[in-house]
Amino acid sequence: MATPHAIVLINGKRKSGKDYFALSLHKALSLHKASQIIHLSDEIKREYASLHELDYKELLTDSPYKDKYRKEMIALGESRRNADPSYYCQLATKHATGEIWIIVDNRRETDILYFKTHYPDLCLVVRVTAHNDIRKTRGWSYKTGVDDAVSECGLDNYPHDILVVNDGSNNDNFTHQLSTVINWCSSKAP
Protein backbone atom coordinates (compact mmCIF):
# COMPACT_ATOMS: atom_id res chain seq x y z
CA MET A 1 0.00 0.00 0.00
CA ALA A 2 1.32 3.39 -1.00
CA THR A 3 0.86 6.39 1.27
CA PRO A 4 -1.50 8.88 -0.36
CA HIS A 5 -0.93 12.63 -0.60
CA ALA A 6 -4.64 13.39 -0.14
CA ILE A 7 -7.80 11.51 0.82
CA VAL A 8 -11.31 12.64 -0.11
CA LEU A 9 -13.91 10.93 2.07
CA ILE A 10 -17.27 11.03 0.28
CA ASN A 11 -20.53 10.17 1.98
CA GLY A 12 -24.24 10.68 1.39
CA LYS A 13 -27.50 8.82 1.21
CA ARG A 14 -28.45 6.22 -1.39
CA LYS A 15 -29.00 7.72 -4.85
CA SER A 16 -27.59 11.11 -3.79
CA GLY A 17 -24.91 10.97 -6.47
CA LYS A 18 -21.83 9.96 -4.46
CA ASP A 19 -20.48 7.80 -7.28
CA TYR A 20 -21.17 10.50 -9.87
CA PHE A 21 -19.26 13.06 -7.81
CA ALA A 22 -16.41 10.60 -7.19
CA LEU A 23 -16.15 9.75 -10.89
CA SER A 24 -16.25 13.45 -11.87
CA LEU A 25 -13.48 14.15 -9.36
CA HIS A 26 -11.43 11.16 -10.50
CA LYS A 27 -11.68 12.19 -14.18
CA ALA A 28 -10.64 15.76 -13.39
CA LEU A 29 -7.74 14.71 -11.16
CA SER A 30 -6.51 12.02 -13.53
CA LEU A 31 -5.45 14.71 -15.98
CA HIS A 32 -2.69 15.71 -13.56
CA LYS A 33 -2.48 13.22 -10.68
CA ALA A 34 -2.89 9.51 -10.07
CA SER A 35 -6.20 9.25 -8.24
CA GLN A 36 -8.00 6.08 -7.27
CA ILE A 37 -11.64 5.46 -6.36
CA ILE A 38 -12.03 3.08 -3.43
CA HIS A 39 -15.42 1.76 -2.29
CA LEU A 40 -15.53 0.53 1.29
CA SER A 41 -18.73 -1.36 0.51
CA ASP A 42 -17.04 -3.44 -2.20
CA GLU A 43 -15.30 -5.45 0.51
CA ILE A 44 -18.59 -6.12 2.29
CA LYS A 45 -20.11 -7.27 -1.00
CA ARG A 46 -17.09 -9.45 -1.78
CA GLU A 47 -17.30 -11.14 1.62
CA TYR A 48 -21.08 -11.56 1.46
CA ALA A 49 -20.91 -13.04 -2.05
CA SER A 50 -18.24 -15.50 -0.96
CA LEU A 51 -20.17 -16.60 2.15
CA HIS A 52 -23.41 -17.15 0.21
CA GLU A 53 -22.04 -18.21 -3.19
CA LEU A 54 -23.52 -15.17 -4.94
CA ASP A 55 -22.44 -13.16 -7.97
CA TYR A 56 -20.03 -10.55 -6.56
CA LYS A 57 -20.01 -8.50 -9.77
CA GLU A 58 -23.81 -8.31 -9.75
CA LEU A 59 -23.73 -7.11 -6.13
CA LEU A 60 -21.57 -4.20 -7.33
CA THR A 61 -24.31 -3.00 -9.68
CA ASP A 62 -27.29 -0.80 -8.98
CA SER A 63 -29.75 -3.63 -9.45
CA PRO A 64 -32.69 -5.44 -7.86
CA TYR A 65 -30.24 -8.32 -7.29
CA LYS A 66 -28.21 -6.13 -4.91
CA ASP A 67 -31.33 -4.71 -3.27
CA LYS A 68 -32.53 -8.25 -2.56
CA TYR A 69 -29.51 -8.77 -0.26
CA ARG A 70 -29.00 -5.20 0.99
CA LYS A 71 -30.32 -5.70 4.55
CA GLU A 72 -28.24 -8.85 5.03
CA MET A 73 -25.11 -7.12 3.70
CA ILE A 74 -25.74 -4.25 6.12
CA ALA A 75 -26.02 -6.76 8.97
CA LEU A 76 -22.75 -8.44 7.96
CA GLY A 77 -21.01 -5.07 7.74
CA GLU A 78 -22.33 -4.06 11.16
CA SER A 79 -21.21 -7.28 12.81
CA ARG A 80 -17.68 -6.94 11.40
CA ARG A 81 -17.49 -3.26 12.33
CA ASN A 82 -18.75 -3.97 15.85
CA ALA A 83 -15.84 -6.36 16.31
CA ASP A 84 -13.32 -4.03 14.59
CA PRO A 85 -14.51 -0.60 13.40
CA SER A 86 -11.56 -0.28 11.01
CA TYR A 87 -11.96 -3.72 9.39
CA TYR A 88 -13.31 -2.59 6.01
CA CYS A 89 -11.20 0.57 5.88
CA GLN A 90 -8.04 -1.51 6.21
CA LEU A 91 -9.24 -4.13 3.75
CA ALA A 92 -10.31 -1.61 1.10
CA THR A 93 -7.01 0.30 1.17
CA LYS A 94 -4.67 -2.66 1.58
CA HIS A 95 -3.60 -2.59 -2.08
CA ALA A 96 -4.28 1.08 -2.83
CA THR A 97 -1.68 2.73 -5.04
CA GLY A 98 -3.08 6.13 -6.00
CA GLU A 99 -1.59 9.46 -4.94
CA ILE A 100 -5.10 10.64 -4.16
CA TRP A 101 -7.62 8.27 -2.62
CA ILE A 102 -11.27 8.97 -3.30
CA ILE A 103 -13.02 6.92 -0.64
CA VAL A 104 -16.69 6.50 -1.51
CA ASP A 105 -19.43 5.37 0.84
CA ASN A 106 -18.06 6.24 4.26
CA ARG A 107 -21.06 5.37 6.38
CA ARG A 108 -20.00 5.82 9.99
CA GLU A 109 -17.99 8.24 12.07
CA THR A 110 -15.58 5.36 12.75
CA ASP A 111 -14.80 5.19 9.01
CA ILE A 112 -13.83 8.86 8.96
CA LEU A 113 -12.01 8.57 12.28
CA TYR A 114 -9.89 5.72 10.90
CA PHE A 115 -8.61 7.83 8.01
CA LYS A 116 -8.19 11.02 10.04
CA THR A 117 -6.24 9.09 12.69
CA HIS A 118 -3.98 7.18 10.28
CA TYR A 119 -3.57 10.01 7.78
CA PRO A 120 -3.80 13.28 9.74
CA ASP A 121 -4.01 16.47 7.69
CA LEU A 122 -4.67 14.49 4.48
CA CYS A 123 -8.47 14.13 4.73
CA LEU A 124 -11.31 16.19 3.31
CA VAL A 125 -14.85 15.09 4.24
CA VAL A 126 -17.42 15.69 1.50
CA ARG A 127 -21.17 15.20 1.90
CA VAL A 128 -23.19 14.71 -1.29
CA THR A 129 -26.89 15.46 -1.01
CA ALA A 130 -29.92 15.39 -3.27
CA HIS A 131 -33.57 16.14 -2.56
CA ASN A 132 -35.72 13.03 -2.08
CA ASP A 133 -37.72 13.85 -5.23
CA ILE A 134 -34.49 13.79 -7.24
CA ARG A 135 -33.37 10.58 -5.56
CA LYS A 136 -36.70 8.99 -6.55
CA THR A 137 -36.01 9.82 -10.21
CA ARG A 138 -32.75 7.91 -9.76
CA GLY A 139 -34.57 4.81 -8.51
CA TRP A 140 -34.68 5.45 -4.76
CA SER A 141 -37.62 4.50 -2.61
CA TYR A 142 -37.67 4.48 1.17
CA LYS A 143 -36.99 1.07 2.70
CA THR A 144 -37.44 0.47 6.42
CA GLY A 145 -34.37 -1.20 7.88
CA VAL A 146 -32.18 0.36 5.18
CA ASP A 147 -32.91 4.08 5.01
CA ASP A 148 -33.30 4.39 8.77
CA ALA A 149 -30.18 2.31 9.56
CA VAL A 150 -26.85 3.69 10.73
CA SER A 151 -25.44 2.86 7.30
CA GLU A 152 -27.66 5.65 5.88
CA CYS A 153 -28.01 8.00 8.84
CA GLY A 154 -24.74 7.65 10.76
CA LEU A 155 -23.20 10.80 9.28
CA ASP A 156 -26.30 12.99 8.98
CA ASN A 157 -25.07 15.34 11.71
CA TYR A 158 -21.36 14.98 11.10
CA PRO A 159 -19.50 18.28 10.47
CA HIS A 160 -18.52 17.90 6.82
CA ASP A 161 -15.86 20.09 5.23
CA ILE A 162 -17.82 20.51 1.99
CA LEU A 163 -21.47 20.03 1.10
CA VAL A 164 -22.22 19.18 -2.53
CA VAL A 165 -25.81 19.57 -3.69
CA ASN A 166 -26.29 17.11 -6.54
CA ASP A 167 -29.86 17.81 -7.65
CA GLY A 168 -28.96 18.24 -11.29
CA SER A 169 -30.66 21.64 -11.23
CA ASN A 170 -27.76 23.77 -10.03
CA ASN A 171 -24.73 22.77 -12.07
CA ASP A 172 -22.90 25.94 -10.99
CA ASN A 173 -22.92 24.77 -7.36
CA PHE A 174 -21.80 21.26 -8.33
CA THR A 175 -19.01 22.59 -10.56
CA HIS A 176 -17.89 25.08 -7.91
CA GLN A 177 -17.75 22.41 -5.20
CA LEU A 178 -15.94 20.02 -7.53
CA SER A 179 -13.36 22.75 -8.29
CA THR A 180 -12.95 23.40 -4.57
CA VAL A 181 -12.16 19.73 -3.93
CA ILE A 182 -9.80 19.57 -6.93
CA ASN A 183 -7.92 22.63 -5.67
CA TRP A 184 -7.69 21.15 -2.17
CA CYS A 185 -6.27 17.89 -3.60
CA SER A 186 -3.77 19.82 -5.71
CA SER A 187 -2.61 21.74 -2.64
CA LYS A 188 -1.80 18.45 -0.87
CA ALA A 189 0.09 16.75 -3.67
CA PRO A 190 3.80 17.50 -4.07
C-alpha atoms as a PDB file:
ATOM      1  CA  MET A   1       0.000   0.000   0.000  1.00  0.00           C
ATOM      2  CA  ALA A   2       1.320   3.391  -0.995  1.00  0.00           C
ATOM      3  CA  THR A   3       0.857   6.388   1.273  1.00  0.00           C
ATOM      4  CA  PRO A   4      -1.505   8.875  -0.356  1.00  0.00           C
ATOM      5  CA  HIS A   5      -0.934  12.627  -0.600  1.00  0.00           C
ATOM      6  CA  ALA A   6      -4.644  13.388  -0.143  1.00  0.00           C
ATOM      7  CA  ILE A   7      -7.804  11.506   0.817  1.00  0.00           C
ATOM      8  CA  VAL A   8     -11.305  12.638  -0.114  1.00  0.00           C
ATOM      9  CA  LEU A   9     -13.907  10.935   2.065  1.00  0.00           C
ATOM     10  CA  ILE A  10     -17.270  11.032   0.278  1.00  0.00           C
ATOM     11  CA  ASN A  11     -20.532  10.169   1.981  1.00  0.00           C
ATOM     12  CA  GLY A  12     -24.235  10.675   1.388  1.00  0.00           C
ATOM     13  CA  LYS A  13     -27.498   8.817   1.213  1.00  0.00           C
ATOM     14  CA  ARG A  14     -28.445   6.216  -1.388  1.00  0.00           C
ATOM     15  CA  LYS A  15     -29.005   7.723  -4.850  1.00  0.00           C
ATOM     16  CA  SER A  16     -27.593  11.106  -3.788  1.00  0.00           C
ATOM     17  CA  GLY A  17     -24.909  10.966  -6.474  1.00  0.00           C
ATOM     18  CA  LYS A  18     -21.832   9.957  -4.464  1.00  0.00           C
ATOM     19  CA  ASP A  19     -20.479   7.796  -7.279  1.00  0.00           C
ATOM     20  CA  TYR A  20     -21.174  10.500  -9.869  1.00  0.00           C
ATOM     21  CA  PHE A  21     -19.258  13.062  -7.811  1.00  0.00           C
ATOM     22  CA  ALA A  22     -16.414  10.597  -7.192  1.00  0.00           C
ATOM     23  CA  LEU A  23     -16.153   9.753 -10.890  1.00  0.00           C
ATOM     24  CA  SER A  24     -16.247  13.449 -11.868  1.00  0.00           C
ATOM     25  CA  LEU A  25     -13.475  14.148  -9.357  1.00  0.00           C
ATOM     26  CA  HIS A  26     -11.426  11.155 -10.504  1.00  0.00           C
ATOM     27  CA  LYS A  27     -11.676  12.191 -14.177  1.00  0.00           C
ATOM     28  CA  ALA A  28     -10.640  15.758 -13.386  1.00  0.00           C
ATOM     29  CA  LEU A  29      -7.736  14.710 -11.160  1.00  0.00           C
ATOM     30  CA  SER A  30      -6.505  12.024 -13.535  1.00  0.00           C
ATOM     31  CA  LEU A  31      -5.451  14.707 -15.983  1.00  0.00           C
ATOM     32  CA  HIS A  32      -2.689  15.708 -13.560  1.00  0.00           C
ATOM     33  CA  LYS A  33      -2.480  13.223 -10.679  1.00  0.00           C
ATOM     34  CA  ALA A  34      -2.893   9.507 -10.070  1.00  0.00           C
ATOM     35  CA  SER A  35      -6.202   9.248  -8.244  1.00  0.00           C
ATOM     36  CA  GLN A  36      -8.002   6.078  -7.271  1.00  0.00           C
ATOM     37  CA  ILE A  37     -11.639   5.457  -6.364  1.00  0.00           C
ATOM     38  CA  ILE A  38     -12.026   3.079  -3.433  1.00  0.00           C
ATOM     39  CA  HIS A  39     -15.424   1.759  -2.295  1.00  0.00           C
ATOM     40  CA  LEU A  40     -15.527   0.526   1.288  1.00  0.00           C
ATOM     41  CA  SER A  41     -18.734  -1.356   0.510  1.00  0.00           C
ATOM     42  CA  ASP A  42     -17.036  -3.444  -2.199  1.00  0.00           C
ATOM     43  CA  GLU A  43     -15.296  -5.448   0.509  1.00  0.00           C
ATOM     44  CA  ILE A  44     -18.592  -6.124   2.290  1.00  0.00           C
ATOM     45  CA  LYS A  45     -20.110  -7.270  -1.001  1.00  0.00           C
ATOM     46  CA  ARG A  46     -17.092  -9.454  -1.776  1.00  0.00           C
ATOM     47  CA  GLU A  47     -17.304 -11.139   1.617  1.00  0.00           C
ATOM     48  CA  TYR A  48     -21.084 -11.561   1.459  1.00  0.00           C
ATOM     49  CA  ALA A  49     -20.911 -13.043  -2.046  1.00  0.00           C
ATOM     50  CA  SER A  50     -18.237 -15.501  -0.958  1.00  0.00           C
ATOM     51  CA  LEU A  51     -20.168 -16.598   2.146  1.00  0.00           C
ATOM     52  CA  HIS A  52     -23.412 -17.145   0.211  1.00  0.00           C
ATOM     53  CA  GLU A  53     -22.043 -18.205  -3.192  1.00  0.00           C
ATOM     54  CA  LEU A  54     -23.521 -15.174  -4.940  1.00  0.00           C
ATOM     55  CA  ASP A  55     -22.443 -13.164  -7.973  1.00  0.00           C
ATOM     56  CA  TYR A  56     -20.030 -10.552  -6.559  1.00  0.00           C
ATOM     57  CA  LYS A  57     -20.009  -8.504  -9.772  1.00  0.00           C
ATOM     58  CA  GLU A  58     -23.807  -8.315  -9.749  1.00  0.00           C
ATOM     59  CA  LEU A  59     -23.727  -7.110  -6.129  1.00  0.00           C
ATOM     60  CA  LEU A  60     -21.573  -4.203  -7.329  1.00  0.00           C
ATOM     61  CA  THR A  61     -24.306  -2.995  -9.684  1.00  0.00           C
ATOM     62  CA  ASP A  62     -27.288  -0.802  -8.984  1.00  0.00           C
ATOM     63  CA  SER A  63     -29.748  -3.631  -9.453  1.00  0.00           C
ATOM     64  CA  PRO A  64     -32.693  -5.436  -7.860  1.00  0.00           C
ATOM     65  CA  TYR A  65     -30.237  -8.317  -7.290  1.00  0.00           C
ATOM     66  CA  LYS A  66     -28.210  -6.130  -4.915  1.00  0.00           C
ATOM     67  CA  ASP A  67     -31.332  -4.708  -3.275  1.00  0.00           C
ATOM     68  CA  LYS A  68     -32.530  -8.247  -2.561  1.00  0.00           C
ATOM     69  CA  TYR A  69     -29.505  -8.773  -0.265  1.00  0.00           C
ATOM     70  CA  ARG A  70     -29.001  -5.198   0.986  1.00  0.00           C
ATOM     71  CA  LYS A  71     -30.319  -5.702   4.547  1.00  0.00           C
ATOM     72  CA  GLU A  72     -28.244  -8.848   5.029  1.00  0.00           C
ATOM     73  CA  MET A  73     -25.113  -7.124   3.704  1.00  0.00           C
ATOM     74  CA  ILE A  74     -25.740  -4.251   6.125  1.00  0.00           C
ATOM     75  CA  ALA A  75     -26.024  -6.760   8.968  1.00  0.00           C
ATOM     76  CA  LEU A  76     -22.750  -8.437   7.957  1.00  0.00           C
ATOM     77  CA  GLY A  77     -21.006  -5.075   7.742  1.00  0.00           C
ATOM     78  CA  GLU A  78     -22.333  -4.055  11.156  1.00  0.00           C
ATOM     79  CA  SER A  79     -21.213  -7.280  12.808  1.00  0.00           C
ATOM     80  CA  ARG A  80     -17.677  -6.945  11.405  1.00  0.00           C
ATOM     81  CA  ARG A  81     -17.490  -3.261  12.334  1.00  0.00           C
ATOM     82  CA  ASN A  82     -18.750  -3.967  15.854  1.00  0.00           C
ATOM     83  CA  ALA A  83     -15.843  -6.362  16.307  1.00  0.00           C
ATOM     84  CA  ASP A  84     -13.323  -4.035  14.587  1.00  0.00           C
ATOM     85  CA  PRO A  85     -14.510  -0.599  13.399  1.00  0.00           C
ATOM     86  CA  SER A  86     -11.557  -0.280  11.009  1.00  0.00           C
ATOM     87  CA  TYR A  87     -11.960  -3.718   9.395  1.00  0.00           C
ATOM     88  CA  TYR A  88     -13.315  -2.591   6.006  1.00  0.00           C
ATOM     89  CA  CYS A  89     -11.196   0.571   5.883  1.00  0.00           C
ATOM     90  CA  GLN A  90      -8.043  -1.512   6.205  1.00  0.00           C
ATOM     91  CA  LEU A  91      -9.242  -4.135   3.747  1.00  0.00           C
ATOM     92  CA  ALA A  92     -10.308  -1.610   1.095  1.00  0.00           C
ATOM     93  CA  THR A  93      -7.009   0.300   1.168  1.00  0.00           C
ATOM     94  CA  LYS A  94      -4.671  -2.659   1.583  1.00  0.00           C
ATOM     95  CA  HIS A  95      -3.603  -2.589  -2.079  1.00  0.00           C
ATOM     96  CA  ALA A  96      -4.280   1.081  -2.826  1.00  0.00           C
ATOM     97  CA  THR A  97      -1.676   2.729  -5.038  1.00  0.00           C
ATOM     98  CA  GLY A  98      -3.084   6.134  -6.002  1.00  0.00           C
ATOM     99  CA  GLU A  99      -1.592   9.456  -4.941  1.00  0.00           C
ATOM    100  CA  ILE A 100      -5.103  10.639  -4.158  1.00  0.00           C
ATOM    101  CA  TRP A 101      -7.617   8.267  -2.623  1.00  0.00           C
ATOM    102  CA  ILE A 102     -11.269   8.973  -3.303  1.00  0.00           C
ATOM    103  CA  ILE A 103     -13.023   6.918  -0.638  1.00  0.00           C
ATOM    104  CA  VAL A 104     -16.685   6.505  -1.507  1.00  0.00           C
ATOM    105  CA  ASP A 105     -19.428   5.366   0.845  1.00  0.00           C
ATOM    106  CA  ASN A 106     -18.055   6.243   4.255  1.00  0.00           C
ATOM    107  CA  ARG A 107     -21.065   5.374   6.383  1.00  0.00           C
ATOM    108  CA  ARG A 108     -19.997   5.821   9.989  1.00  0.00           C
ATOM    109  CA  GLU A 109     -17.986   8.240  12.069  1.00  0.00           C
ATOM    110  CA  THR A 110     -15.578   5.364  12.750  1.00  0.00           C
ATOM    111  CA  ASP A 111     -14.804   5.186   9.005  1.00  0.00           C
ATOM    112  CA  ILE A 112     -13.831   8.861   8.958  1.00  0.00           C
ATOM    113  CA  LEU A 113     -12.009   8.574  12.278  1.00  0.00           C
ATOM    114  CA  TYR A 114      -9.893   5.724  10.903  1.00  0.00           C
ATOM    115  CA  PHE A 115      -8.609   7.826   8.007  1.00  0.00           C
ATOM    116  CA  LYS A 116      -8.192  11.015  10.042  1.00  0.00           C
ATOM    117  CA  THR A 117      -6.244   9.087  12.690  1.00  0.00           C
ATOM    118  CA  HIS A 118      -3.976   7.185  10.283  1.00  0.00           C
ATOM    119  CA  TYR A 119      -3.573  10.015   7.775  1.00  0.00           C
ATOM    120  CA  PRO A 120      -3.798  13.278   9.739  1.00  0.00           C
ATOM    121  CA  ASP A 121      -4.012  16.466   7.690  1.00  0.00           C
ATOM    122  CA  LEU A 122      -4.667  14.486   4.485  1.00  0.00           C
ATOM    123  CA  CYS A 123      -8.466  14.128   4.730  1.00  0.00           C
ATOM    124  CA  LEU A 124     -11.312  16.192   3.311  1.00  0.00           C
ATOM    125  CA  VAL A 125     -14.846  15.086   4.241  1.00  0.00           C
ATOM    126  CA  VAL A 126     -17.418  15.691   1.496  1.00  0.00           C
ATOM    127  CA  ARG A 127     -21.168  15.201   1.901  1.00  0.00           C
ATOM    128  CA  VAL A 128     -23.189  14.711  -1.295  1.00  0.00           C
ATOM    129  CA  THR A 129     -26.888  15.458  -1.005  1.00  0.00           C
ATOM    130  CA  ALA A 130     -29.925  15.393  -3.268  1.00  0.00           C
ATOM    131  CA  HIS A 131     -33.568  16.136  -2.557  1.00  0.00           C
ATOM    132  CA  ASN A 132     -35.716  13.028  -2.081  1.00  0.00           C
ATOM    133  CA  ASP A 133     -37.719  13.850  -5.231  1.00  0.00           C
ATOM    134  CA  ILE A 134     -34.489  13.792  -7.240  1.00  0.00           C
ATOM    135  CA  ARG A 135     -33.372  10.575  -5.558  1.00  0.00           C
ATOM    136  CA  LYS A 136     -36.705   8.990  -6.550  1.00  0.00           C
ATOM    137  CA  THR A 137     -36.009   9.816 -10.211  1.00  0.00           C
ATOM    138  CA  ARG A 138     -32.747   7.905  -9.763  1.00  0.00           C
ATOM    139  CA  GLY A 139     -34.574   4.808  -8.511  1.00  0.00           C
ATOM    140  CA  TRP A 140     -34.679   5.449  -4.765  1.00  0.00           C
ATOM    141  CA  SER A 141     -37.624   4.505  -2.610  1.00  0.00           C
ATOM    142  CA  TYR A 142     -37.670   4.480   1.167  1.00  0.00           C
ATOM    143  CA  LYS A 143     -36.989   1.073   2.703  1.00  0.00           C
ATOM    144  CA  THR A 144     -37.443   0.467   6.422  1.00  0.00           C
ATOM    145  CA  GLY A 145     -34.373  -1.203   7.875  1.00  0.00           C
ATOM    146  CA  VAL A 146     -32.185   0.362   5.184  1.00  0.00           C
ATOM    147  CA  ASP A 147     -32.909   4.080   5.012  1.00  0.00           C
ATOM    148  CA  ASP A 148     -33.297   4.390   8.773  1.00  0.00           C
ATOM    149  CA  ALA A 149     -30.182   2.308   9.564  1.00  0.00           C
ATOM    150  CA  VAL A 150     -26.846   3.694  10.735  1.00  0.00           C
ATOM    151  CA  SER A 151     -25.441   2.863   7.298  1.00  0.00           C
ATOM    152  CA  GLU A 152     -27.655   5.648   5.879  1.00  0.00           C
ATOM    153  CA  CYS A 153     -28.007   8.002   8.844  1.00  0.00           C
ATOM    154  CA  GLY A 154     -24.739   7.645  10.758  1.00  0.00           C
ATOM    155  CA  LEU A 155     -23.199  10.797   9.276  1.00  0.00           C
ATOM    156  CA  ASP A 156     -26.299  12.987   8.983  1.00  0.00           C
ATOM    157  CA  ASN A 157     -25.070  15.340  11.710  1.00  0.00           C
ATOM    158  CA  TYR A 158     -21.356  14.982  11.097  1.00  0.00           C
ATOM    159  CA  PRO A 159     -19.498  18.281  10.472  1.00  0.00           C
ATOM    160  CA  HIS A 160     -18.520  17.897   6.819  1.00  0.00           C
ATOM    161  CA  ASP A 161     -15.861  20.086   5.225  1.00  0.00           C
ATOM    162  CA  ILE A 162     -17.819  20.508   1.989  1.00  0.00           C
ATOM    163  CA  LEU A 163     -21.471  20.027   1.104  1.00  0.00           C
ATOM    164  CA  VAL A 164     -22.223  19.178  -2.527  1.00  0.00           C
ATOM    165  CA  VAL A 165     -25.812  19.569  -3.688  1.00  0.00           C
ATOM    166  CA  ASN A 166     -26.292  17.111  -6.537  1.00  0.00           C
ATOM    167  CA  ASP A 167     -29.862  17.810  -7.648  1.00  0.00           C
ATOM    168  CA  GLY A 168     -28.959  18.240 -11.289  1.00  0.00           C
ATOM    169  CA  SER A 169     -30.656  21.636 -11.229  1.00  0.00           C
ATOM    170  CA  ASN A 170     -27.757  23.773 -10.025  1.00  0.00           C
ATOM    171  CA  ASN A 171     -24.732  22.771 -12.067  1.00  0.00           C
ATOM    172  CA  ASP A 172     -22.905  25.942 -10.989  1.00  0.00           C
ATOM    173  CA  ASN A 173     -22.917  24.765  -7.357  1.00  0.00           C
ATOM    174  CA  PHE A 174     -21.799  21.260  -8.325  1.00  0.00           C
ATOM    175  CA  THR A 175     -19.013  22.594 -10.559  1.00  0.00           C
ATOM    176  CA  HIS A 176     -17.891  25.083  -7.910  1.00  0.00           C
ATOM    177  CA  GLN A 177     -17.753  22.413  -5.196  1.00  0.00           C
ATOM    178  CA  LEU A 178     -15.940  20.024  -7.533  1.00  0.00           C
ATOM    179  CA  SER A 179     -13.364  22.747  -8.289  1.00  0.00           C
ATOM    180  CA  THR A 180     -12.952  23.401  -4.570  1.00  0.00           C
ATOM    181  CA  VAL A 181     -12.159  19.728  -3.934  1.00  0.00           C
ATOM    182  CA  ILE A 182      -9.798  19.566  -6.925  1.00  0.00           C
ATOM    183  CA  ASN A 183      -7.924  22.631  -5.666  1.00  0.00           C
ATOM    184  CA  TRP A 184      -7.691  21.152  -2.169  1.00  0.00           C
ATOM    185  CA  CYS A 185      -6.267  17.891  -3.602  1.00  0.00           C
ATOM    186  CA  SER A 186      -3.766  19.816  -5.706  1.00  0.00           C
ATOM    187  CA  SER A 187      -2.613  21.743  -2.642  1.00  0.00           C
ATOM    188  CA  LYS A 188      -1.802  18.453  -0.873  1.00  0.00           C
ATOM    189  CA  ALA A 189       0.089  16.752  -3.672  1.00  0.00           C
ATOM    190  CA  PRO A 190       3.805  17.501  -4.068  1.00  0.00           C
END
